[in-house]
Amino acid sequence: MLDTLTCYENIALALTIQRVNPKEIDKRVNEIAEKLGIKDILKKYPYQISGGQKQRVASSRAIVTNPKIVLADEPTRSIRFEIIKTIIGEL
């Protein structure tokens, strides 16, 4: 994650680079944030959130573009089991 961007901006970054329509970006970011329980921290910066929240933001950023494959090193280490199931379900 980039420390100079909010959680919302971090999740939206790849979509912005892909030149996705801003309304679609907002829709996708809010949908994934709702599913992973991080909607309330979207306006915060990485230094303002916990380690588990950072991992959920990073996971959101990785899957918001609907990739065919995700390479991850311990992406669920500090995350509750319910959230892990949601992340896996999104893949």
PDB file of N, CA and C in Angstrom:
ATOM      1  N   MET A   1       0.837  -1.178   0.000  1.00  0.00           N
ATOM      2  CA  MET A   1       0.000   0.000   0.000  1.00  0.00           C
ATOM      3  C   MET A   1       0.879   1.238   0.000  1.00  0.00           C
ATOM      4  N   LEU A   2       0.336   2.267  -0.591  1.00  0.00           N
ATOM      5  CA  LEU A   2       1.042   3.536  -0.615  1.00  0.00           C
ATOM      6  C   LEU A   2       0.581   4.393   0.560  1.00  0.00           C
ATOM      7  N   ASP A   3       1.519   4.816   1.378  1.00  0.00           N
ATOM      8  CA  ASP A   3       1.197   5.573   2.589  1.00  0.00           C
ATOM      9  C   ASP A   3       0.579   6.940   2.315  1.00  0.00           C
ATOM     10  N   THR A   4       0.806   7.487   1.132  1.00  0.00           N
ATOM     11  CA  THR A   4       0.299   8.826   0.809  1.00  0.00           C
ATOM     12  C   THR A   4      -1.120   8.806   0.240  1.00  0.00           C
ATOM     13  N   LEU A   5      -1.683   7.615   0.070  1.00  0.00           N
ATOM     14  CA  LEU A   5      -3.049   7.472  -0.446  1.00  0.00           C
ATOM     15  C   LEU A   5      -3.960   6.931   0.642  1.00  0.00           C
ATOM     16  N   THR A   6      -5.219   7.337   0.601  1.00  0.00           N
ATOM     17  CA  THR A   6      -6.197   6.772   1.529  1.00  0.00           C
ATOM     18  C   THR A   6      -6.447   5.316   1.150  1.00  0.00           C
ATOM     19  N   CYS A   7      -7.151   4.613   2.004  1.00  0.00           N
ATOM     20  CA  CYS A   7      -7.488   3.215   1.698  1.00  0.00           C
ATOM     21  C   CYS A   7      -8.311   3.144   0.417  1.00  0.00           C
ATOM     22  N   TYR A   8      -9.263   4.062   0.263  1.00  0.00           N
ATOM     23  CA  TYR A   8     -10.076   4.102  -0.959  1.00  0.00           C
ATOM     24  C   TYR A   8      -9.172   4.279  -2.176  1.00  0.00           C
ATOM     25  N   GLU A   9      -8.272   5.242  -2.109  1.00  0.00           N
ATOM     26  CA  GLU A   9      -7.382   5.520  -3.239  1.00  0.00           C
ATOM     27  C   GLU A   9      -6.459   4.340  -3.535  1.00  0.00           C
ATOM     28  N   ASN A  10      -6.001   3.654  -2.493  1.00  0.00           N
ATOM     29  CA  ASN A  10      -5.154   2.480  -2.686  1.00  0.00           C
ATOM     30  C   ASN A  10      -5.912   1.384  -3.425  1.00  0.00           C
ATOM     31  N   ILE A  11      -7.148   1.144  -3.041  1.00  0.00           N
ATOM     32  CA  ILE A  11      -7.946   0.103  -3.693  1.00  0.00           C
ATOM     33  C   ILE A  11      -8.265   0.508  -5.137  1.00  0.00           C
ATOM     34  N   ALA A  12      -8.550   1.785  -5.347  1.00  0.00           N
ATOM     35  CA  ALA A  12      -8.946   2.284  -6.668  1.00  0.00           C
ATOM     36  C   ALA A  12      -7.776   2.448  -7.633  1.00  0.00           C
ATOM     37  N   LEU A  13      -6.558   2.432  -7.143  1.00  0.00           N
ATOM     38  CA  LEU A  13      -5.392   2.750  -7.958  1.00  0.00           C
ATOM     39  C   LEU A  13      -5.295   1.939  -9.249  1.00  0.00           C
ATOM     40  N   ALA A  14      -5.384   0.626  -9.171  1.00  0.00           N
ATOM     41  CA  ALA A  14      -5.253  -0.210 -10.368  1.00  0.00           C
ATOM     42  C   ALA A  14      -6.367   0.085 -11.369  1.00  0.00           C
ATOM     43  N   LEU A  15      -7.565   0.325 -10.867  1.00  0.00           N
ATOM     44  CA  LEU A  15      -8.679   0.649 -11.761  1.00  0.00           C
ATOM     45  C   LEU A  15      -8.461   2.000 -12.436  1.00  0.00           C
ATOM     46  N   THR A  16      -7.908   2.943 -11.696  1.00  0.00           N
ATOM     47  CA  THR A  16      -7.600   4.261 -12.251  1.00  0.00           C
ATOM     48  C   THR A  16      -6.557   4.145 -13.356  1.00  0.00           C
ATOM     49  N   ILE A  17      -5.533   3.337 -13.105  1.00  0.00           N
ATOM     50  CA  ILE A  17      -4.486   3.112 -14.115  1.00  0.00           C
ATOM     51  C   ILE A  17      -5.076   2.469 -15.365  1.00  0.00           C
ATOM     52  N   GLN A  18      -6.056   1.599 -15.175  1.00  0.00           N
ATOM     53  CA  GLN A  18      -6.721   0.936 -16.308  1.00  0.00           C
ATOM     54  C   GLN A  18      -7.750   1.846 -16.988  1.00  0.00           C
ATOM     55  N   ARG A  19      -7.891   3.051 -16.480  1.00  0.00           N
ATOM     56  CA  ARG A  19      -8.818   4.060 -17.019  1.00  0.00           C
ATOM     57  C   ARG A  19     -10.279   3.607 -16.989  1.00  0.00           C
ATOM     58  N   VAL A  20     -10.631   2.934 -15.899  1.00  0.00           N
ATOM     59  CA  VAL A  20     -12.022   2.538 -15.683  1.00  0.00           C
ATOM     60  C   VAL A  20     -12.813   3.809 -15.352  1.00  0.00           C
ATOM     61  N   ASN A  21     -14.044   3.851 -15.766  1.00  0.00           N
ATOM     62  CA  ASN A  21     -14.933   4.977 -15.506  1.00  0.00           C
ATOM     63  C   ASN A  21     -15.002   5.248 -14.000  1.00  0.00           C
ATOM     64  N   PRO A  22     -14.888   6.519 -13.572  1.00  0.00           N
ATOM     65  CA  PRO A  22     -14.916   6.846 -12.139  1.00  0.00           C
ATOM     66  C   PRO A  22     -16.135   6.317 -11.378  1.00  0.00           C
ATOM     67  N   LYS A  23     -17.298   6.310 -12.006  1.00  0.00           N
ATOM     68  CA  LYS A  23     -18.495   5.774 -11.340  1.00  0.00           C
ATOM     69  C   LYS A  23     -18.354   4.270 -11.108  1.00  0.00           C
ATOM     70  N   GLU A  24     -17.773   3.568 -12.080  1.00  0.00           N
ATOM     71  CA  GLU A  24     -17.540   2.134 -11.941  1.00  0.00           C
ATOM     72  C   GLU A  24     -16.499   1.869 -10.853  1.00  0.00           C
ATOM     73  N   ILE A  25     -15.470   2.710 -10.802  1.00  0.00           N
ATOM     74  CA  ILE A  25     -14.448   2.570  -9.754  1.00  0.00           C
ATOM     75  C   ILE A  25     -15.101   2.696  -8.391  1.00  0.00           C
ATOM     76  N   ASP A  26     -15.903   3.733  -8.220  1.00  0.00           N
ATOM     77  CA  ASP A  26     -16.571   3.955  -6.939  1.00  0.00           C
ATOM     78  C   ASP A  26     -17.446   2.771  -6.565  1.00  0.00           C
ATOM     79  N   LYS A  27     -18.182   2.259  -7.532  1.00  0.00           N
ATOM     80  CA  LYS A  27     -19.058   1.101  -7.299  1.00  0.00           C
ATOM     81  C   LYS A  27     -18.241  -0.110  -6.849  1.00  0.00           C
ATOM     82  N   ARG A  28     -17.194  -0.437  -7.595  1.00  0.00           N
ATOM     83  CA  ARG A  28     -16.389  -1.620  -7.275  1.00  0.00           C
ATOM     84  C   ARG A  28     -15.677  -1.486  -5.932  1.00  0.00           C
ATOM     85  N   VAL A  29     -15.099  -0.318  -5.673  1.00  0.00           N
ATOM     86  CA  VAL A  29     -14.381  -0.117  -4.402  1.00  0.00           C
ATOM     87  C   VAL A  29     -15.347  -0.269  -3.236  1.00  0.00           C
ATOM     88  N   ASN A  30     -16.499   0.352  -3.333  1.00  0.00           N
ATOM     89  CA  ASN A  30     -17.467   0.267  -2.233  1.00  0.00           C
ATOM     90  C   ASN A  30     -18.024  -1.138  -2.066  1.00  0.00           C
ATOM     91  N   GLU A  31     -18.227  -1.862  -3.156  1.00  0.00           N
ATOM     92  CA  GLU A  31     -18.718  -3.247  -3.058  1.00  0.00           C
ATOM     93  C   GLU A  31     -17.712  -4.140  -2.341  1.00  0.00           C
ATOM     94  N   ILE A  32     -16.450  -4.071  -2.757  1.00  0.00           N
ATOM     95  CA  ILE A  32     -15.439  -4.933  -2.130  1.00  0.00           C
ATOM     96  C   ILE A  32     -15.190  -4.517  -0.684  1.00  0.00           C
ATOM     97  N   ALA A  33     -15.228  -3.223  -0.423  1.00  0.00           N
ATOM     98  CA  ALA A  33     -15.026  -2.740   0.950  1.00  0.00           C
ATOM     99  C   ALA A  33     -16.154  -3.228   1.862  1.00  0.00           C
ATOM    100  N   GLU A  34     -17.358  -3.224   1.348  1.00  0.00           N
ATOM    101  CA  GLU A  34     -18.511  -3.715   2.124  1.00  0.00           C
ATOM    102  C   GLU A  34     -18.343  -5.205   2.428  1.00  0.00           C
ATOM    103  N   LYS A  35     -17.973  -5.984   1.419  1.00  0.00           N
ATOM    104  CA  LYS A  35     -17.813  -7.423   1.598  1.00  0.00           C
ATOM    105  C   LYS A  35     -16.714  -7.768   2.597  1.00  0.00           C
ATOM    106  N   LEU A  36     -15.640  -6.978   2.617  1.00  0.00           N
ATOM    107  CA  LEU A  36     -14.507  -7.281   3.500  1.00  0.00           C
ATOM    108  C   LEU A  36     -14.550  -6.494   4.807  1.00  0.00           C
ATOM    109  N   GLY A  37     -15.625  -5.765   5.035  1.00  0.00           N
ATOM    110  CA  GLY A  37     -15.814  -5.068   6.296  1.00  0.00           C
ATOM    111  C   GLY A  37     -14.855  -3.907   6.539  1.00  0.00           C
ATOM    112  N   ILE A  38     -14.507  -3.187   5.483  1.00  0.00           N
ATOM    113  CA  ILE A  38     -13.575  -2.057   5.640  1.00  0.00           C
ATOM    114  C   ILE A  38     -14.166  -0.751   5.115  1.00  0.00           C
ATOM    115  N   LYS A  39     -15.447  -0.716   4.900  1.00  0.00           N
ATOM    116  CA  LYS A  39     -16.083   0.490   4.358  1.00  0.00           C
ATOM    117  C   LYS A  39     -15.870   1.696   5.266  1.00  0.00           C
ATOM    118  N   ASP A  40     -15.834   1.459   6.564  1.00  0.00           N
ATOM    119  CA  ASP A  40     -15.687   2.559   7.518  1.00  0.00           C
ATOM    120  C   ASP A  40     -14.269   3.134   7.586  1.00  0.00           C
ATOM    121  N   ILE A  41     -13.307   2.512   6.939  1.00  0.00           N
ATOM    122  CA  ILE A  41     -11.932   3.020   6.989  1.00  0.00           C
ATOM    123  C   ILE A  41     -11.444   3.541   5.636  1.00  0.00           C
ATOM    124  N   LEU A  42     -12.310   3.633   4.654  1.00  0.00           N
ATOM    125  CA  LEU A  42     -11.891   4.021   3.311  1.00  0.00           C
ATOM    126  C   LEU A  42     -11.243   5.403   3.251  1.00  0.00           C
ATOM    127  N   LYS A  43     -11.615   6.301   4.145  1.00  0.00           N
ATOM    128  CA  LYS A  43     -11.057   7.658   4.138  1.00  0.00           C
ATOM    129  C   LYS A  43      -9.771   7.768   4.959  1.00  0.00           C
ATOM    130  N   LYS A  44      -9.391   6.688   5.608  1.00  0.00           N
ATOM    131  CA  LYS A  44      -8.194   6.707   6.457  1.00  0.00           C
ATOM    132  C   LYS A  44      -6.948   6.357   5.654  1.00  0.00           C
ATOM    133  N   TYR A  45      -5.798   6.749   6.197  1.00  0.00           N
ATOM    134  CA  TYR A  45      -4.507   6.433   5.599  1.00  0.00           C
ATOM    135  C   TYR A  45      -3.958   5.167   6.265  1.00  0.00           C
ATOM    136  N   PRO A  46      -3.060   4.462   5.592  1.00  0.00           N
ATOM    137  CA  PRO A  46      -2.534   3.215   6.147  1.00  0.00           C
ATOM    138  C   PRO A  46      -1.983   3.316   7.572  1.00  0.00           C
ATOM    139  N   TYR A  47      -1.360   4.430   7.909  1.00  0.00           N
ATOM    140  CA  TYR A  47      -0.809   4.571   9.264  1.00  0.00           C
ATOM    141  C   TYR A  47      -1.891   4.720  10.332  1.00  0.00           C
ATOM    142  N   GLN A  48      -3.133   4.894   9.914  1.00  0.00           N
ATOM    143  CA  GLN A  48      -4.236   5.074  10.857  1.00  0.00           C
ATOM    144  C   GLN A  48      -5.032   3.787  11.116  1.00  0.00           C
ATOM    145  N   ILE A  49      -4.638   2.679  10.491  1.00  0.00           N
ATOM    146  CA  ILE A  49      -5.420   1.455  10.612  1.00  0.00           C
ATOM    147  C   ILE A  49      -4.561   0.300  11.130  1.00  0.00           C
ATOM    148  N   SER A  50      -5.218  -0.760  11.570  1.00  0.00           N
ATOM    149  CA  SER A  50      -4.526  -1.925  12.129  1.00  0.00           C
ATOM    150  C   SER A  50      -3.903  -2.789  11.039  1.00  0.00           C
ATOM    151  N   GLY A  51      -3.068  -3.722  11.448  1.00  0.00           N
ATOM    152  CA  GLY A  51      -2.429  -4.647  10.520  1.00  0.00           C
ATOM    153  C   GLY A  51      -3.432  -5.492   9.760  1.00  0.00           C
ATOM    154  N   GLY A  52      -4.450  -5.992  10.439  1.00  0.00           N
ATOM    155  CA  GLY A  52      -5.485  -6.792   9.784  1.00  0.00           C
ATOM    156  C   GLY A  52      -6.268  -5.975   8.776  1.00  0.00           C
ATOM    157  N   GLN A  53      -6.545  -4.714   9.118  1.00  0.00           N
ATOM    158  CA  GLN A  53      -7.242  -3.837   8.181  1.00  0.00           C
ATOM    159  C   GLN A  53      -6.369  -3.559   6.959  1.00  0.00           C
ATOM    160  N   LYS A  54      -5.073  -3.388   7.176  1.00  0.00           N
ATOM    161  CA  LYS A  54      -4.154  -3.169   6.053  1.00  0.00           C
ATOM    162  C   LYS A  54      -4.173  -4.368   5.111  1.00  0.00           C
ATOM    163  N   GLN A  55      -4.210  -5.568   5.683  1.00  0.00           N
ATOM    164  CA  GLN A  55      -4.243  -6.769   4.845  1.00  0.00           C
ATOM    165  C   GLN A  55      -5.542  -6.854   4.054  1.00  0.00           C
ATOM    166  N   ARG A  56      -6.646  -6.435   4.663  1.00  0.00           N
ATOM    167  CA  ARG A  56      -7.923  -6.455   3.940  1.00  0.00           C
ATOM    168  C   ARG A  56      -7.933  -5.421   2.811  1.00  0.00           C
ATOM    169  N   VAL A  57      -7.322  -4.255   3.064  1.00  0.00           N
ATOM    170  CA  VAL A  57      -7.214  -3.243   2.006  1.00  0.00           C
ATOM    171  C   VAL A  57      -6.343  -3.781   0.870  1.00  0.00           C
ATOM    172  N   ALA A  58      -5.217  -4.382   1.218  1.00  0.00           N
ATOM    173  CA  ALA A  58      -4.322  -4.949   0.201  1.00  0.00           C
ATOM    174  C   ALA A  58      -5.018  -6.062  -0.585  1.00  0.00           C
ATOM    175  N   SER A  59      -5.776  -6.893   0.114  1.00  0.00           N
ATOM    176  CA  SER A  59      -6.520  -7.960  -0.567  1.00  0.00           C
ATOM    177  C   SER A  59      -7.571  -7.362  -1.493  1.00  0.00           C
ATOM    178  N   SER A  60      -8.231  -6.315  -1.033  1.00  0.00           N
ATOM    179  CA  SER A  60      -9.238  -5.640  -1.859  1.00  0.00           C
ATOM    180  C   SER A  60      -8.601  -5.081  -3.116  1.00  0.00           C
ATOM    181  N   ARG A  61      -7.456  -4.466  -2.942  1.00  0.00           N
ATOM    182  CA  ARG A  61      -6.749  -3.889  -4.092  1.00  0.00           C
ATOM    183  C   ARG A  61      -6.359  -4.972  -5.100  1.00  0.00           C
ATOM    184  N   ALA A  62      -6.005  -6.134  -4.586  1.00  0.00           N
ATOM    185  CA  ALA A  62      -5.587  -7.237  -5.460  1.00  0.00           C
ATOM    186  C   ALA A  62      -6.750  -7.843  -6.240  1.00  0.00           C
ATOM    187  N   ILE A  63      -7.949  -7.837  -5.665  1.00  0.00           N
ATOM    188  CA  ILE A  63      -9.065  -8.528  -6.327  1.00  0.00           C
ATOM    189  C   ILE A  63     -10.095  -7.594  -6.969  1.00  0.00           C
ATOM    190  N   VAL A  64      -9.982  -6.291  -6.749  1.00  0.00           N
ATOM    191  CA  VAL A  64     -10.976  -5.351  -7.287  1.00  0.00           C
ATOM    192  C   VAL A  64     -10.973  -5.315  -8.816  1.00  0.00           C
ATOM    193  N   THR A  65      -9.882  -5.703  -9.441  1.00  0.00           N
ATOM    194  CA  THR A  65      -9.797  -5.703 -10.907  1.00  0.00           C
ATOM    195  C   THR A  65     -10.248  -7.027 -11.524  1.00  0.00           C
ATOM    196  N   ASN A  66     -10.719  -7.946 -10.693  1.00  0.00           N
ATOM    197  CA  ASN A  66     -11.166  -9.273 -11.137  1.00  0.00           C
ATOM    198  C   ASN A  66     -10.075 -10.021 -11.907  1.00  0.00           C
ATOM    199  N   PRO A  67      -8.908 -10.191 -11.289  1.00  0.00           N
ATOM    200  CA  PRO A  67      -7.800 -10.858 -11.987  1.00  0.00           C
ATOM    201  C   PRO A  67      -8.062 -12.357 -12.156  1.00  0.00           C
ATOM    202  N   LYS A  68      -7.382 -12.957 -13.110  1.00  0.00           N
ATOM    203  CA  LYS A  68      -7.497 -14.398 -13.329  1.00  0.00           C
ATOM    204  C   LYS A  68      -6.705 -15.170 -12.285  1.00  0.00           C
ATOM    205  N   ILE A  69      -5.641 -14.555 -11.765  1.00  0.00           N
ATOM    206  CA  ILE A  69      -4.789 -15.200 -10.769  1.00  0.00           C
ATOM    207  C   ILE A  69      -4.249 -14.131  -9.816  1.00  0.00           C
ATOM    208  N   VAL A  70      -4.091 -14.516  -8.559  1.00  0.00           N
ATOM    209  CA  VAL A  70      -3.517 -13.625  -7.556  1.00  0.00           C
ATOM    210  C   VAL A  70      -2.368 -14.362  -6.874  1.00  0.00           C
ATOM    211  N   LEU A  71      -1.201 -13.758  -6.893  1.00  0.00           N
ATOM    212  CA  LEU A  71      -0.054 -14.300  -6.173  1.00  0.00           C
ATOM    213  C   LEU A  71       0.050 -13.542  -4.865  1.00  0.00           C
ATOM    214  N   ALA A  72       0.021 -14.261  -3.760  1.00  0.00           N
ATOM    215  CA  ALA A  72       0.018 -13.592  -2.460  1.00  0.00           C
ATOM    216  C   ALA A  72       0.849 -14.383  -1.451  1.00  0.00           C
ATOM    217  N   ASP A  73       1.531 -13.653  -0.607  1.00  0.00           N
ATOM    218  CA  ASP A  73       2.335 -14.243   0.449  1.00  0.00           C
ATOM    219  C   ASP A  73       1.645 -13.999   1.779  1.00  0.00           C
ATOM    220  N   GLU A  74       1.015 -15.001   2.329  1.00  0.00           N
ATOM    221  CA  GLU A  74       0.294 -14.925   3.594  1.00  0.00           C
ATOM    222  C   GLU A  74      -0.729 -13.791   3.639  1.00  0.00           C
ATOM    223  N   PRO A  75      -1.636 -13.722   2.679  1.00  0.00           N
ATOM    224  CA  PRO A  75      -2.588 -12.614   2.646  1.00  0.00           C
ATOM    225  C   PRO A  75      -3.642 -12.647   3.744  1.00  0.00           C
ATOM    226  N   THR A  76      -3.771 -13.771   4.436  1.00  0.00           N
ATOM    227  CA  THR A  76      -4.831 -13.901   5.436  1.00  0.00           C
ATOM    228  C   THR A  76      -4.298 -14.100   6.852  1.00  0.00           C
ATOM    229  N   ARG A  77      -3.036 -13.848   7.073  1.00  0.00           N
ATOM    230  CA  ARG A  77      -2.415 -14.139   8.365  1.00  0.00           C
ATOM    231  C   ARG A  77      -3.110 -13.456   9.545  1.00  0.00           C
ATOM    232  N   SER A  78      -3.489 -12.200   9.423  1.00  0.00           N
ATOM    233  CA  SER A  78      -4.064 -11.449  10.544  1.00  0.00           C
ATOM    234  C   SER A  78      -5.546 -11.150  10.360  1.00  0.00           C
ATOM    235  N   ILE A  79      -6.227 -11.974   9.606  1.00  0.00           N
ATOM    236  CA  ILE A  79      -7.624 -11.696   9.281  1.00  0.00           C
ATOM    237  C   ILE A  79      -8.538 -12.776   9.868  1.00  0.00           C
ATOM    238  N   ARG A  80      -9.703 -12.325  10.353  1.00  0.00           N
ATOM    239  CA  ARG A  80     -10.690 -13.260  10.905  1.00  0.00           C
ATOM    240  C   ARG A  80     -11.145 -14.259   9.839  1.00  0.00           C
ATOM    241  N   PHE A  81     -11.516 -15.455  10.270  1.00  0.00           N
ATOM    242  CA  PHE A  81     -11.891 -16.538   9.366  1.00  0.00           C
ATOM    243  C   PHE A  81     -13.048 -16.162   8.445  1.00  0.00           C
ATOM    244  N   GLU A  82     -14.043 -15.411   8.957  1.00  0.00           N
ATOM    245  CA  GLU A  82     -15.189 -15.022   8.138  1.00  0.00           C
ATOM    246  C   GLU A  82     -14.738 -14.173   6.951  1.00  0.00           C
ATOM    247  N   ILE A  83     -13.780 -13.284   7.189  1.00  0.00           N
ATOM    248  CA  ILE A  83     -13.267 -12.414   6.138  1.00  0.00           C
ATOM    249  C   ILE A  83     -12.434 -13.230   5.145  1.00  0.00           C
ATOM    250  N   ILE A  84     -11.681 -14.197   5.652  1.00  0.00           N
ATOM    251  CA  ILE A  84     -10.885 -15.073   4.774  1.00  0.00           C
ATOM    252  C   ILE A  84     -11.803 -15.779   3.790  1.00  0.00           C
ATOM    253  N   LYS A  85     -12.938 -16.300   4.260  1.00  0.00           N
ATOM    254  CA  LYS A  85     -13.890 -16.978   3.379  1.00  0.00           C
ATOM    255  C   LYS A  85     -14.405 -16.020   2.306  1.00  0.00           C
ATOM    256  N   THR A  86     -14.644 -14.767   2.674  1.00  0.00           N
ATOM    257  CA  THR A  86     -15.119 -13.773   1.711  1.00  0.00           C
ATOM    258  C   THR A  86     -14.050 -13.505   0.658  1.00  0.00           C
ATOM    259  N   ILE A  87     -12.802 -13.341   1.097  1.00  0.00           N
ATOM    260  CA  ILE A  87     -11.710 -13.079   0.153  1.00  0.00           C
ATOM    261  C   ILE A  87     -11.575 -14.239  -0.828  1.00  0.00           C
ATOM    262  N   ILE A  88     -11.579 -15.448  -0.314  1.00  0.00           N
ATOM    263  CA  ILE A  88     -11.460 -16.620  -1.189  1.00  0.00           C
ATOM    264  C   ILE A  88     -12.654 -16.713  -2.130  1.00  0.00           C
ATOM    265  N   GLY A  89     -13.822 -16.371  -1.626  1.00  0.00           N
ATOM    266  CA  GLY A  89     -15.025 -16.379  -2.458  1.00  0.00           C
ATOM    267  C   GLY A  89     -14.965 -15.361  -3.592  1.00  0.00           C
ATOM    268  N   GLU A  90     -14.267 -14.265  -3.375  1.00  0.00           N
ATOM    269  CA  GLU A  90     -14.127 -13.235  -4.401  1.00  0.00           C
ATOM    270  C   GLU A  90     -13.149 -13.652  -5.494  1.00  0.00           C
ATOM    271  N   LEU A  91     -12.258 -14.584  -5.180  1.00  0.00           N
ATOM    272  CA  LEU A  91     -11.302 -15.053  -6.172  1.00  0.00           C
ATOM    273  C   LEU A  91     -11.996 -16.046  -7.062  1.00  0.00           C
TER     274      LEU A  91
END
